[in-house]
Amino acid sequence: MQDLELSAAAERRGVWAYTDWAALPDERMAERVELEELRVAMRSGPQITAENPININAADASTLQQLPGVGPALAGRIIEQRERQPFLTKEALKKVPGIGNKTFEALEPLVDVADD
């Protein structure tokens, strides 16, 4: 099929007769960018918002890393802390080394401790 398409494009047959060849590279690049954004969005799962917070007692490391200021090391410390004792309140996050007041303020609206 690719050979037939290339042949038709070269001879400007069918839909290729109406192709804007100058705009084609930009359109293809925009399509590639859009597809990559879609792949990233699909890999990252649902968007974490105040309306859709994550349960810090159940979230895995990759989900925790979607939170602002949380990288692999801090996600690991959150998991270690909750394995010792589940978080009963959001404020208990402040006991995790590396979570100070500023980080907590960013995390607080995006997390929940509810049991599902």
PDB file of N, CA and C in Angstrom:
ATOM      1  N   MET A   1       0.823  -1.193   0.000  1.00  0.00           N
ATOM      2  CA  MET A   1       0.000   0.000   0.000  1.00  0.00           C
ATOM      3  C   MET A   1       0.863   1.251   0.000  1.00  0.00           C
ATOM      4  N   GLN A   2       1.978   1.240   0.723  1.00  0.00           N
ATOM      5  CA  GLN A   2       2.819   2.425   0.754  1.00  0.00           C
ATOM      6  C   GLN A   2       3.356   2.765  -0.635  1.00  0.00           C
ATOM      7  N   ASP A   3       3.770   1.768  -1.379  1.00  0.00           N
ATOM      8  CA  ASP A   3       4.286   2.028  -2.718  1.00  0.00           C
ATOM      9  C   ASP A   3       3.214   2.644  -3.601  1.00  0.00           C
ATOM     10  N   LEU A   4       1.986   2.144  -3.492  1.00  0.00           N
ATOM     11  CA  LEU A   4       0.893   2.713  -4.284  1.00  0.00           C
ATOM     12  C   LEU A   4       0.620   4.153  -3.886  1.00  0.00           C
ATOM     13  N   GLU A   5       0.666   4.440  -2.583  1.00  0.00           N
ATOM     14  CA  GLU A   5       0.445   5.814  -2.122  1.00  0.00           C
ATOM     15  C   GLU A   5       1.547   6.744  -2.622  1.00  0.00           C
ATOM     16  N   LEU A   6       2.782   6.288  -2.540  1.00  0.00           N
ATOM     17  CA  LEU A   6       3.891   7.111  -3.016  1.00  0.00           C
ATOM     18  C   LEU A   6       3.779   7.375  -4.512  1.00  0.00           C
ATOM     19  N   SER A   7       3.389   6.356  -5.240  1.00  0.00           N
ATOM     20  CA  SER A   7       3.211   6.506  -6.685  1.00  0.00           C
ATOM     21  C   SER A   7       2.102   7.512  -6.989  1.00  0.00           C
ATOM     22  N   ALA A   8       0.995   7.406  -6.277  1.00  0.00           N
ATOM     23  CA  ALA A   8      -0.127   8.332  -6.482  1.00  0.00           C
ATOM     24  C   ALA A   8       0.271   9.750  -6.090  1.00  0.00           C
ATOM     25  N   ALA A   9       1.020   9.882  -5.011  1.00  0.00           N
ATOM     26  CA  ALA A   9       1.451  11.208  -4.564  1.00  0.00           C
ATOM     27  C   ALA A   9       2.385  11.833  -5.592  1.00  0.00           C
ATOM     28  N   ALA A  10       3.325  11.045  -6.092  1.00  0.00           N
ATOM     29  CA  ALA A  10       4.285  11.561  -7.066  1.00  0.00           C
ATOM     30  C   ALA A  10       3.597  12.003  -8.350  1.00  0.00           C
ATOM     31  N   GLU A  11       2.545  11.286  -8.724  1.00  0.00           N
ATOM     32  CA  GLU A  11       1.830  11.606  -9.960  1.00  0.00           C
ATOM     33  C   GLU A  11       0.644  12.528  -9.715  1.00  0.00           C
ATOM     34  N   ARG A  12       0.439  12.921  -8.444  1.00  0.00           N
ATOM     35  CA  ARG A  12      -0.657  13.817  -8.044  1.00  0.00           C
ATOM     36  C   ARG A  12      -2.013  13.294  -8.519  1.00  0.00           C
ATOM     37  N   ARG A  13      -2.242  12.000  -8.232  1.00  0.00           N
ATOM     38  CA  ARG A  13      -3.518  11.383  -8.561  1.00  0.00           C
ATOM     39  C   ARG A  13      -4.414  11.365  -7.337  1.00  0.00           C
ATOM     40  N   GLY A  14      -5.707  11.325  -7.554  1.00  0.00           N
ATOM     41  CA  GLY A  14      -6.676  11.223  -6.468  1.00  0.00           C
ATOM     42  C   GLY A  14      -6.577  12.407  -5.522  1.00  0.00           C
ATOM     43  N   VAL A  15      -6.649  12.119  -4.239  1.00  0.00           N
ATOM     44  CA  VAL A  15      -6.612  13.171  -3.226  1.00  0.00           C
ATOM     45  C   VAL A  15      -5.290  13.935  -3.258  1.00  0.00           C
ATOM     46  N   TRP A  16      -4.237  13.290  -3.758  1.00  0.00           N
ATOM     47  CA  TRP A  16      -2.930  13.937  -3.814  1.00  0.00           C
ATOM     48  C   TRP A  16      -2.922  15.122  -4.777  1.00  0.00           C
ATOM     49  N   ALA A  17      -3.871  15.179  -5.687  1.00  0.00           N
ATOM     50  CA  ALA A  17      -3.955  16.320  -6.600  1.00  0.00           C
ATOM     51  C   ALA A  17      -4.303  17.599  -5.850  1.00  0.00           C
ATOM     52  N   TYR A  18      -4.916  17.471  -4.673  1.00  0.00           N
ATOM     53  CA  TYR A  18      -5.351  18.637  -3.899  1.00  0.00           C
ATOM     54  C   TYR A  18      -4.448  18.915  -2.689  1.00  0.00           C
ATOM     55  N   THR A  19      -3.368  18.196  -2.583  1.00  0.00           N
ATOM     56  CA  THR A  19      -2.484  18.331  -1.426  1.00  0.00           C
ATOM     57  C   THR A  19      -1.676  19.616  -1.498  1.00  0.00           C
ATOM     58  N   ASP A  20      -1.638  20.335  -0.382  1.00  0.00           N
ATOM     59  CA  ASP A  20      -0.791  21.523  -0.265  1.00  0.00           C
ATOM     60  C   ASP A  20       0.574  21.039   0.214  1.00  0.00           C
ATOM     61  N   TRP A  21       1.489  20.844  -0.704  1.00  0.00           N
ATOM     62  CA  TRP A  21       2.782  20.238  -0.390  1.00  0.00           C
ATOM     63  C   TRP A  21       3.613  21.117   0.542  1.00  0.00           C
ATOM     64  N   ALA A  22       3.421  22.415   0.487  1.00  0.00           N
ATOM     65  CA  ALA A  22       4.188  23.310   1.361  1.00  0.00           C
ATOM     66  C   ALA A  22       3.745  23.163   2.820  1.00  0.00           C
ATOM     67  N   ALA A  23       2.459  22.898   3.034  1.00  0.00           N
ATOM     68  CA  ALA A  23       1.927  22.796   4.395  1.00  0.00           C
ATOM     69  C   ALA A  23       2.044  21.387   4.972  1.00  0.00           C
ATOM     70  N   LEU A  24       2.278  20.403   4.137  1.00  0.00           N
ATOM     71  CA  LEU A  24       2.281  19.009   4.582  1.00  0.00           C
ATOM     72  C   LEU A  24       3.288  18.713   5.709  1.00  0.00           C
ATOM     73  N   PRO A  25       4.532  19.170   5.642  1.00  0.00           N
ATOM     74  CA  PRO A  25       5.463  18.869   6.746  1.00  0.00           C
ATOM     75  C   PRO A  25       4.992  19.424   8.097  1.00  0.00           C
ATOM     76  N   ASP A  26       4.464  20.647   8.103  1.00  0.00           N
ATOM     77  CA  ASP A  26       3.968  21.235   9.353  1.00  0.00           C
ATOM     78  C   ASP A  26       2.766  20.472   9.887  1.00  0.00           C
ATOM     79  N   GLU A  27       1.884  20.058   8.996  1.00  0.00           N
ATOM     80  CA  GLU A  27       0.702  19.297   9.420  1.00  0.00           C
ATOM     81  C   GLU A  27       1.110  17.939   9.991  1.00  0.00           C
ATOM     82  N   ARG A  28       2.068  17.300   9.352  1.00  0.00           N
ATOM     83  CA  ARG A  28       2.537  15.998   9.851  1.00  0.00           C
ATOM     84  C   ARG A  28       3.214  16.146  11.211  1.00  0.00           C
ATOM     85  N   MET A  29       4.002  17.219  11.389  1.00  0.00           N
ATOM     86  CA  MET A  29       4.672  17.457  12.667  1.00  0.00           C
ATOM     87  C   MET A  29       3.635  17.709  13.759  1.00  0.00           C
ATOM     88  N   ALA A  30       2.611  18.499  13.474  1.00  0.00           N
ATOM     89  CA  ALA A  30       1.557  18.770  14.454  1.00  0.00           C
ATOM     90  C   ALA A  30       0.845  17.475  14.837  1.00  0.00           C
ATOM     91  N   GLU A  31       0.628  16.609  13.863  1.00  0.00           N
ATOM     92  CA  GLU A  31      -0.013  15.322  14.133  1.00  0.00           C
ATOM     93  C   GLU A  31       0.868  14.453  15.033  1.00  0.00           C
ATOM     94  N   ARG A  32       2.174  14.444  14.771  1.00  0.00           N
ATOM     95  CA  ARG A  32       3.086  13.659  15.613  1.00  0.00           C
ATOM     96  C   ARG A  32       3.108  14.182  17.048  1.00  0.00           C
ATOM     97  N   VAL A  33       3.128  15.500  17.210  1.00  0.00           N
ATOM     98  CA  VAL A  33       3.121  16.103  18.549  1.00  0.00           C
ATOM     99  C   VAL A  33       1.832  15.743  19.273  1.00  0.00           C
ATOM    100  N   GLU A  34       0.719  15.839  18.578  1.00  0.00           N
ATOM    101  CA  GLU A  34      -0.576  15.506  19.179  1.00  0.00           C
ATOM    102  C   GLU A  34      -0.626  14.036  19.606  1.00  0.00           C
ATOM    103  N   LEU A  35      -0.115  13.149  18.773  1.00  0.00           N
ATOM    104  CA  LEU A  35      -0.098  11.725  19.118  1.00  0.00           C
ATOM    105  C   LEU A  35       0.787  11.458  20.337  1.00  0.00           C
ATOM    106  N   GLU A  36       1.929  12.130  20.415  1.00  0.00           N
ATOM    107  CA  GLU A  36       2.815  11.937  21.570  1.00  0.00           C
ATOM    108  C   GLU A  36       2.162  12.465  22.844  1.00  0.00           C
ATOM    109  N   GLU A  37       1.474  13.611  22.764  1.00  0.00           N
ATOM    110  CA  GLU A  37       0.762  14.137  23.928  1.00  0.00           C
ATOM    111  C   GLU A  37      -0.317  13.161  24.380  1.00  0.00           C
ATOM    112  N   LEU A  38      -0.996  12.552  23.436  1.00  0.00           N
ATOM    113  CA  LEU A  38      -2.021  11.570  23.760  1.00  0.00           C
ATOM    114  C   LEU A  38      -1.407  10.342  24.439  1.00  0.00           C
ATOM    115  N   ARG A  39      -0.269   9.857  23.918  1.00  0.00           N
ATOM    116  CA  ARG A  39       0.410   8.714  24.541  1.00  0.00           C
ATOM    117  C   ARG A  39       0.817   9.023  25.979  1.00  0.00           C
ATOM    118  N   VAL A  40       1.364  10.212  26.198  1.00  0.00           N
ATOM    119  CA  VAL A  40       1.780  10.610  27.547  1.00  0.00           C
ATOM    120  C   VAL A  40       0.571  10.676  28.465  1.00  0.00           C
ATOM    121  N   ALA A  41      -0.513  11.269  27.988  1.00  0.00           N
ATOM    122  CA  ALA A  41      -1.723  11.390  28.804  1.00  0.00           C
ATOM    123  C   ALA A  41      -2.292  10.016  29.145  1.00  0.00           C
ATOM    124  N   MET A  42      -2.244   9.091  28.203  1.00  0.00           N
ATOM    125  CA  MET A  42      -2.788   7.759  28.453  1.00  0.00           C
ATOM    126  C   MET A  42      -1.914   6.983  29.436  1.00  0.00           C
ATOM    127  N   ARG A  43      -0.590   7.186  29.384  1.00  0.00           N
ATOM    128  CA  ARG A  43       0.309   6.510  30.316  1.00  0.00           C
ATOM    129  C   ARG A  43       0.174   7.058  31.726  1.00  0.00           C
ATOM    130  N   SER A  44      -0.080   8.353  31.829  1.00  0.00           N
ATOM    131  CA  SER A  44      -0.084   8.972  33.151  1.00  0.00           C
ATOM    132  C   SER A  44      -1.373   8.750  33.911  1.00  0.00           C
ATOM    133  N   GLY A  45      -2.394   8.229  33.294  1.00  0.00           N
ATOM    134  CA  GLY A  45      -3.645   7.948  33.992  1.00  0.00           C
ATOM    135  C   GLY A  45      -4.486   9.193  34.173  1.00  0.00           C
ATOM    136  N   PRO A  46      -5.484   9.088  35.036  1.00  0.00           N
ATOM    137  CA  PRO A  46      -6.379  10.218  35.239  1.00  0.00           C
ATOM    138  C   PRO A  46      -5.642  11.416  35.830  1.00  0.00           C
ATOM    139  N   GLN A  47      -6.103  12.587  35.460  1.00  0.00           N
ATOM    140  CA  GLN A  47      -5.527  13.823  35.971  1.00  0.00           C
ATOM    141  C   GLN A  47      -5.869  13.985  37.447  1.00  0.00           C
ATOM    142  N   ILE A  48      -4.892  14.319  38.253  1.00  0.00           N
ATOM    143  CA  ILE A  48      -5.109  14.524  39.684  1.00  0.00           C
ATOM    144  C   ILE A  48      -5.469  15.987  39.903  1.00  0.00           C
ATOM    145  N   THR A  49      -6.641  16.215  40.465  1.00  0.00           N
ATOM    146  CA  THR A  49      -7.121  17.564  40.751  1.00  0.00           C
ATOM    147  C   THR A  49      -7.766  17.566  42.123  1.00  0.00           C
ATOM    148  N   ALA A  50      -8.163  18.753  42.582  1.00  0.00           N
ATOM    149  CA  ALA A  50      -8.873  18.843  43.858  1.00  0.00           C
ATOM    150  C   ALA A  50     -10.198  18.089  43.774  1.00  0.00           C
ATOM    151  N   GLU A  51     -10.791  18.049  42.589  1.00  0.00           N
ATOM    152  CA  GLU A  51     -12.048  17.325  42.394  1.00  0.00           C
ATOM    153  C   GLU A  51     -11.817  15.826  42.229  1.00  0.00           C
ATOM    154  N   ASN A  52     -10.597  15.451  41.880  1.00  0.00           N
ATOM    155  CA  ASN A  52     -10.238  14.049  41.674  1.00  0.00           C
ATOM    156  C   ASN A  52      -8.923  13.745  42.406  1.00  0.00           C
ATOM    157  N   PRO A  53      -8.930  13.834  43.757  1.00  0.00           N
ATOM    158  CA  PRO A  53      -7.697  13.609  44.512  1.00  0.00           C
ATOM    159  C   PRO A  53      -7.325  12.132  44.549  1.00  0.00           C
ATOM    160  N   ILE A  54      -6.077  11.860  44.902  1.00  0.00           N
ATOM    161  CA  ILE A  54      -5.648  10.470  45.037  1.00  0.00           C
ATOM    162  C   ILE A  54      -5.646  10.077  46.509  1.00  0.00           C
ATOM    163  N   ASN A  55      -5.887   8.811  46.753  1.00  0.00           N
ATOM    164  CA  ASN A  55      -5.846   8.271  48.110  1.00  0.00           C
ATOM    165  C   ASN A  55      -4.392   7.911  48.407  1.00  0.00           C
ATOM    166  N   ILE A  56      -3.771   8.651  49.314  1.00  0.00           N
ATOM    167  CA  ILE A  56      -2.353   8.411  49.598  1.00  0.00           C
ATOM    168  C   ILE A  56      -2.115   7.101  50.326  1.00  0.00           C
ATOM    169  N   ASN A  57      -3.168   6.492  50.830  1.00  0.00           N
ATOM    170  CA  ASN A  57      -3.023   5.182  51.471  1.00  0.00           C
ATOM    171  C   ASN A  57      -3.089   4.039  50.464  1.00  0.00           C
ATOM    172  N   ALA A  58      -3.437   4.342  49.218  1.00  0.00           N
ATOM    173  CA  ALA A  58      -3.593   3.293  48.210  1.00  0.00           C
ATOM    174  C   ALA A  58      -2.773   3.535  46.944  1.00  0.00           C
ATOM    175  N   ALA A  59      -2.313   4.759  46.720  1.00  0.00           N
ATOM    176  CA  ALA A  59      -1.629   5.107  45.471  1.00  0.00           C
ATOM    177  C   ALA A  59      -0.274   4.419  45.365  1.00  0.00           C
ATOM    178  N   ASP A  60       0.055   3.982  44.150  1.00  0.00           N
ATOM    179  CA  ASP A  60       1.375   3.400  43.927  1.00  0.00           C
ATOM    180  C   ASP A  60       2.395   4.520  43.693  1.00  0.00           C
ATOM    181  N   ALA A  61       3.653   4.147  43.583  1.00  0.00           N
ATOM    182  CA  ALA A  61       4.726   5.139  43.455  1.00  0.00           C
ATOM    183  C   ALA A  61       4.569   6.007  42.214  1.00  0.00           C
ATOM    184  N   SER A  62       4.196   5.414  41.089  1.00  0.00           N
ATOM    185  CA  SER A  62       4.070   6.207  39.860  1.00  0.00           C
ATOM    186  C   SER A  62       2.937   7.219  39.968  1.00  0.00           C
ATOM    187  N   THR A  63       1.859   6.864  40.653  1.00  0.00           N
ATOM    188  CA  THR A  63       0.758   7.806  40.852  1.00  0.00           C
ATOM    189  C   THR A  63       1.195   8.922  41.788  1.00  0.00           C
ATOM    190  N   LEU A  64       1.886   8.578  42.861  1.00  0.00           N
ATOM    191  CA  LEU A  64       2.371   9.599  43.790  1.00  0.00           C
ATOM    192  C   LEU A  64       3.306  10.579  43.091  1.00  0.00           C
ATOM    193  N   GLN A  65       4.082  10.098  42.136  1.00  0.00           N
ATOM    194  CA  GLN A  65       5.028  10.961  41.426  1.00  0.00           C
ATOM    195  C   GLN A  65       4.344  11.963  40.508  1.00  0.00           C
ATOM    196  N   GLN A  66       3.061  11.810  40.274  1.00  0.00           N
ATOM    197  CA  GLN A  66       2.324  12.794  39.493  1.00  0.00           C
ATOM    198  C   GLN A  66       2.000  14.031  40.323  1.00  0.00           C
ATOM    199  N   LEU A  67       2.166  13.932  41.625  1.00  0.00           N
ATOM    200  CA  LEU A  67       1.910  15.064  42.510  1.00  0.00           C
ATOM    201  C   LEU A  67       3.060  16.061  42.413  1.00  0.00           C
ATOM    202  N   PRO A  68       2.771  17.354  42.571  1.00  0.00           N
ATOM    203  CA  PRO A  68       3.830  18.356  42.476  1.00  0.00           C
ATOM    204  C   PRO A  68       4.864  18.188  43.581  1.00  0.00           C
ATOM    205  N   GLY A  69       6.128  18.185  43.186  1.00  0.00           N
ATOM    206  CA  GLY A  69       7.211  18.082  44.151  1.00  0.00           C
ATOM    207  C   GLY A  69       7.520  16.679  44.624  1.00  0.00           C
ATOM    208  N   VAL A  70       6.837  15.685  44.075  1.00  0.00           N
ATOM    209  CA  VAL A  70       7.061  14.301  44.510  1.00  0.00           C
ATOM    210  C   VAL A  70       7.795  13.539  43.405  1.00  0.00           C
ATOM    211  N   GLY A  71       9.025  13.161  43.711  1.00  0.00           N
ATOM    212  CA  GLY A  71       9.821  12.348  42.799  1.00  0.00           C
ATOM    213  C   GLY A  71       9.889  10.928  43.326  1.00  0.00           C
ATOM    214  N   PRO A  72      10.732  10.105  42.726  1.00  0.00           N
ATOM    215  CA  PRO A  72      10.828   8.708  43.158  1.00  0.00           C
ATOM    216  C   PRO A  72      11.208   8.543  44.631  1.00  0.00           C
ATOM    217  N   ALA A  73      12.153   9.345  45.111  1.00  0.00           N
ATOM    218  CA  ALA A  73      12.600   9.198  46.505  1.00  0.00           C
ATOM    219  C   ALA A  73      11.492   9.557  47.488  1.00  0.00           C
ATOM    220  N   LEU A  74      10.827  10.679  47.250  1.00  0.00           N
ATOM    221  CA  LEU A  74       9.765  11.100  48.168  1.00  0.00           C
ATOM    222  C   LEU A  74       8.574  10.147  48.093  1.00  0.00           C
ATOM    223  N   ALA A  75       8.255   9.664  46.902  1.00  0.00           N
ATOM    224  CA  ALA A  75       7.175   8.676  46.772  1.00  0.00           C
ATOM    225  C   ALA A  75       7.505   7.437  47.596  1.00  0.00           C
ATOM    226  N   GLY A  76       8.762   7.015  47.554  1.00  0.00           N
ATOM    227  CA  GLY A  76       9.181   5.863  48.347  1.00  0.00           C
ATOM    228  C   GLY A  76       9.037   6.105  49.843  1.00  0.00           C
ATOM    229  N   ARG A  77       9.379   7.323  50.293  1.00  0.00           N
ATOM    230  CA  ARG A  77       9.244   7.640  51.718  1.00  0.00           C
ATOM    231  C   ARG A  77       7.782   7.694  52.147  1.00  0.00           C
ATOM    232  N   ILE A  78       6.909   8.186  51.264  1.00  0.00           N
ATOM    233  CA  ILE A  78       5.470   8.207  51.572  1.00  0.00           C
ATOM    234  C   ILE A  78       4.967   6.775  51.752  1.00  0.00           C
ATOM    235  N   ILE A  79       5.367   5.896  50.849  1.00  0.00           N
ATOM    236  CA  ILE A  79       4.936   4.495  50.921  1.00  0.00           C
ATOM    237  C   ILE A  79       5.495   3.830  52.179  1.00  0.00           C
ATOM    238  N   GLU A  80       6.760   4.083  52.500  1.00  0.00           N
ATOM    239  CA  GLU A  80       7.345   3.516  53.724  1.00  0.00           C
ATOM    240  C   GLU A  80       6.572   3.964  54.961  1.00  0.00           C
ATOM    241  N   GLN A  81       6.242   5.256  55.012  1.00  0.00           N
ATOM    242  CA  GLN A  81       5.522   5.798  56.168  1.00  0.00           C
ATOM    243  C   GLN A  81       4.145   5.148  56.308  1.00  0.00           C
ATOM    244  N   ARG A  82       3.432   5.017  55.199  1.00  0.00           N
ATOM    245  CA  ARG A  82       2.076   4.463  55.298  1.00  0.00           C
ATOM    246  C   ARG A  82       2.086   2.965  55.584  1.00  0.00           C
ATOM    247  N   GLU A  83       3.188   2.274  55.218  1.00  0.00           N
ATOM    248  CA  GLU A  83       3.292   0.852  55.550  1.00  0.00           C
ATOM    249  C   GLU A  83       3.474   0.664  57.057  1.00  0.00           C
ATOM    250  N   ARG A  84       4.148   1.625  57.688  1.00  0.00           N
ATOM    251  CA  ARG A  84       4.284   1.582  59.149  1.00  0.00           C
ATOM    252  C   ARG A  84       2.963   1.893  59.822  1.00  0.00           C
ATOM    253  N   GLN A  85       2.289   2.923  59.290  1.00  0.00           N
ATOM    254  CA  GLN A  85       0.975   3.307  59.811  1.00  0.00           C
ATOM    255  C   GLN A  85       0.246   4.079  58.720  1.00  0.00           C
ATOM    256  N   PRO A  86      -0.946   3.626  58.328  1.00  0.00           N
ATOM    257  CA  PRO A  86      -1.703   4.356  57.310  1.00  0.00           C
ATOM    258  C   PRO A  86      -1.951   5.801  57.749  1.00  0.00           C
ATOM    259  N   PHE A  87      -2.019   6.675  56.774  1.00  0.00           N
ATOM    260  CA  PHE A  87      -2.309   8.075  57.058  1.00  0.00           C
ATOM    261  C   PHE A  87      -3.766   8.198  57.480  1.00  0.00           C
ATOM    262  N   LEU A  88      -3.998   8.772  58.646  1.00  0.00           N
ATOM    263  CA  LEU A  88      -5.365   8.983  59.129  1.00  0.00           C
ATOM    264  C   LEU A  88      -5.861  10.369  58.764  1.00  0.00           C
ATOM    265  N   THR A  89      -4.939  11.304  58.592  1.00  0.00           N
ATOM    266  CA  THR A  89      -5.277  12.670  58.180  1.00  0.00           C
ATOM    267  C   THR A  89      -4.282  13.108  57.112  1.00  0.00           C
ATOM    268  N   LYS A  90      -4.654  14.115  56.362  1.00  0.00           N
ATOM    269  CA  LYS A  90      -3.732  14.669  55.375  1.00  0.00           C
ATOM    270  C   LYS A  90      -2.503  15.253  56.065  1.00  0.00           C
ATOM    271  N   GLU A  91      -2.715  15.873  57.214  1.00  0.00           N
ATOM    272  CA  GLU A  91      -1.622  16.515  57.946  1.00  0.00           C
ATOM    273  C   GLU A  91      -0.529  15.524  58.341  1.00  0.00           C
ATOM    274  N   ALA A  92      -0.863  14.248  58.428  1.00  0.00           N
ATOM    275  CA  ALA A  92       0.131  13.230  58.777  1.00  0.00           C
ATOM    276  C   ALA A  92       1.236  13.140  57.725  1.00  0.00           C
ATOM    277  N   LEU A  93       0.981  13.656  56.524  1.00  0.00           N
ATOM    278  CA  LEU A  93       2.018  13.687  55.489  1.00  0.00           C
ATOM    279  C   LEU A  93       3.232  14.487  55.943  1.00  0.00           C
ATOM    280  N   LYS A  94       3.022  15.448  56.832  1.00  0.00           N
ATOM    281  CA  LYS A  94       4.132  16.284  57.298  1.00  0.00           C
ATOM    282  C   LYS A  94       5.172  15.478  58.074  1.00  0.00           C
ATOM    283  N   LYS A  95       4.818  14.283  58.516  1.00  0.00           N
ATOM    284  CA  LYS A  95       5.768  13.414  59.226  1.00  0.00           C
ATOM    285  C   LYS A  95       6.765  12.758  58.269  1.00  0.00           C
ATOM    286  N   VAL A  96       6.442  12.776  56.980  1.00  0.00           N
ATOM    287  CA  VAL A  96       7.324  12.161  55.983  1.00  0.00           C
ATOM    288  C   VAL A  96       8.524  13.084  55.763  1.00  0.00           C
ATOM    289  N   PRO A  97       9.745  12.577  55.937  1.00  0.00           N
ATOM    290  CA  PRO A  97      10.925  13.403  55.681  1.00  0.00           C
ATOM    291  C   PRO A  97      10.904  13.953  54.254  1.00  0.00           C
ATOM    292  N   GLY A  98      11.073  15.266  54.137  1.00  0.00           N
ATOM    293  CA  GLY A  98      11.056  15.905  52.824  1.00  0.00           C
ATOM    294  C   GLY A  98       9.766  16.636  52.526  1.00  0.00           C
ATOM    295  N   ILE A  99       8.756  16.455  53.369  1.00  0.00           N
ATOM    296  CA  ILE A  99       7.500  17.182  53.179  1.00  0.00           C
ATOM    297  C   ILE A  99       7.401  18.235  54.279  1.00  0.00           C
ATOM    298  N   GLY A 100       7.700  19.460  53.888  1.00  0.00           N
ATOM    299  CA  GLY A 100       7.568  20.590  54.794  1.00  0.00           C
ATOM    300  C   GLY A 100       6.248  21.298  54.535  1.00  0.00           C
ATOM    301  N   ASN A 101       6.109  22.469  55.132  1.00  0.00           N
ATOM    302  CA  ASN A 101       4.861  23.222  54.993  1.00  0.00           C
ATOM    303  C   ASN A 101       4.568  23.592  53.543  1.00  0.00           C
ATOM    304  N   LYS A 102       5.590  24.035  52.808  1.00  0.00           N
ATOM    305  CA  LYS A 102       5.377  24.463  51.420  1.00  0.00           C
ATOM    306  C   LYS A 102       4.921  23.290  50.544  1.00  0.00           C
ATOM    307  N   THR A 103       5.600  22.167  50.666  1.00  0.00           N
ATOM    308  CA  THR A 103       5.216  20.982  49.887  1.00  0.00           C
ATOM    309  C   THR A 103       3.831  20.509  50.302  1.00  0.00           C
ATOM    310  N   PHE A 104       3.565  20.509  51.596  1.00  0.00           N
ATOM    311  CA  PHE A 104       2.256  20.076  52.077  1.00  0.00           C
ATOM    312  C   PHE A 104       1.146  20.959  51.514  1.00  0.00           C
ATOM    313  N   GLU A 105       1.366  22.274  51.463  1.00  0.00           N
ATOM    314  CA  GLU A 105       0.353  23.181  50.916  1.00  0.00           C
ATOM    315  C   GLU A 105       0.029  22.841  49.466  1.00  0.00           C
ATOM    316  N   ALA A 106       1.035  22.424  48.699  1.00  0.00           N
ATOM    317  CA  ALA A 106       0.807  22.042  47.300  1.00  0.00           C
ATOM    318  C   ALA A 106       0.079  20.705  47.201  1.00  0.00           C
ATOM    319  N   LEU A 107       0.368  19.790  48.132  1.00  0.00           N
ATOM    320  CA  LEU A 107      -0.217  18.449  48.077  1.00  0.00           C
ATOM    321  C   LEU A 107      -1.621  18.375  48.669  1.00  0.00           C
ATOM    322  N   GLU A 108      -1.872  19.142  49.693  1.00  0.00           N
ATOM    323  CA  GLU A 108      -3.096  19.020  50.490  1.00  0.00           C
ATOM    324  C   GLU A 108      -4.389  18.962  49.669  1.00  0.00           C
ATOM    325  N   PRO A 109      -4.599  19.838  48.679  1.00  0.00           N
ATOM    326  CA  PRO A 109      -5.862  19.740  47.933  1.00  0.00           C
ATOM    327  C   PRO A 109      -5.931  18.559  46.963  1.00  0.00           C
ATOM    328  N   LEU A 110      -4.800  17.918  46.701  1.00  0.00           N
ATOM    329  CA  LEU A 110      -4.735  16.860  45.687  1.00  0.00           C
ATOM    330  C   LEU A 110      -4.751  15.453  46.261  1.00  0.00           C
ATOM    331  N   VAL A 111      -4.771  15.353  47.596  1.00  0.00           N
ATOM    332  CA  VAL A 111      -4.724  14.034  48.231  1.00  0.00           C
ATOM    333  C   VAL A 111      -5.913  13.826  49.149  1.00  0.00           C
ATOM    334  N   ASP A 112      -6.173  12.553  49.422  1.00  0.00           N
ATOM    335  CA  ASP A 112      -7.249  12.153  50.319  1.00  0.00           C
ATOM    336  C   ASP A 112      -6.745  10.947  51.108  1.00  0.00           C
ATOM    337  N   VAL A 113      -7.352  10.704  52.254  1.00  0.00           N
ATOM    338  CA  VAL A 113      -6.964   9.554  53.075  1.00  0.00           C
ATOM    339  C   VAL A 113      -8.117   8.576  53.247  1.00  0.00           C
ATOM    340  N   ALA A 114      -9.200   8.801  52.534  1.00  0.00           N
ATOM    341  CA  ALA A 114     -10.404   7.978  52.683  1.00  0.00           C
ATOM    342  C   ALA A 114     -10.139   6.535  52.289  1.00  0.00           C
ATOM    343  N   ASP A 115     -10.790   5.623  53.007  1.00  0.00           N
ATOM    344  CA  ASP A 115     -10.748   4.210  52.645  1.00  0.00           C
ATOM    345  C   ASP A 115     -11.795   3.957  51.577  1.00  0.00           C
ATOM    346  N   ASP A 116     -11.381   3.248  50.529  1.00  0.00           N
ATOM    347  CA  ASP A 116     -12.335   2.935  49.437  1.00  0.00           C
ATOM    348  C   ASP A 116     -12.931   1.574  49.624  1.00  0.00           C
TER     349      ASP A 116
END
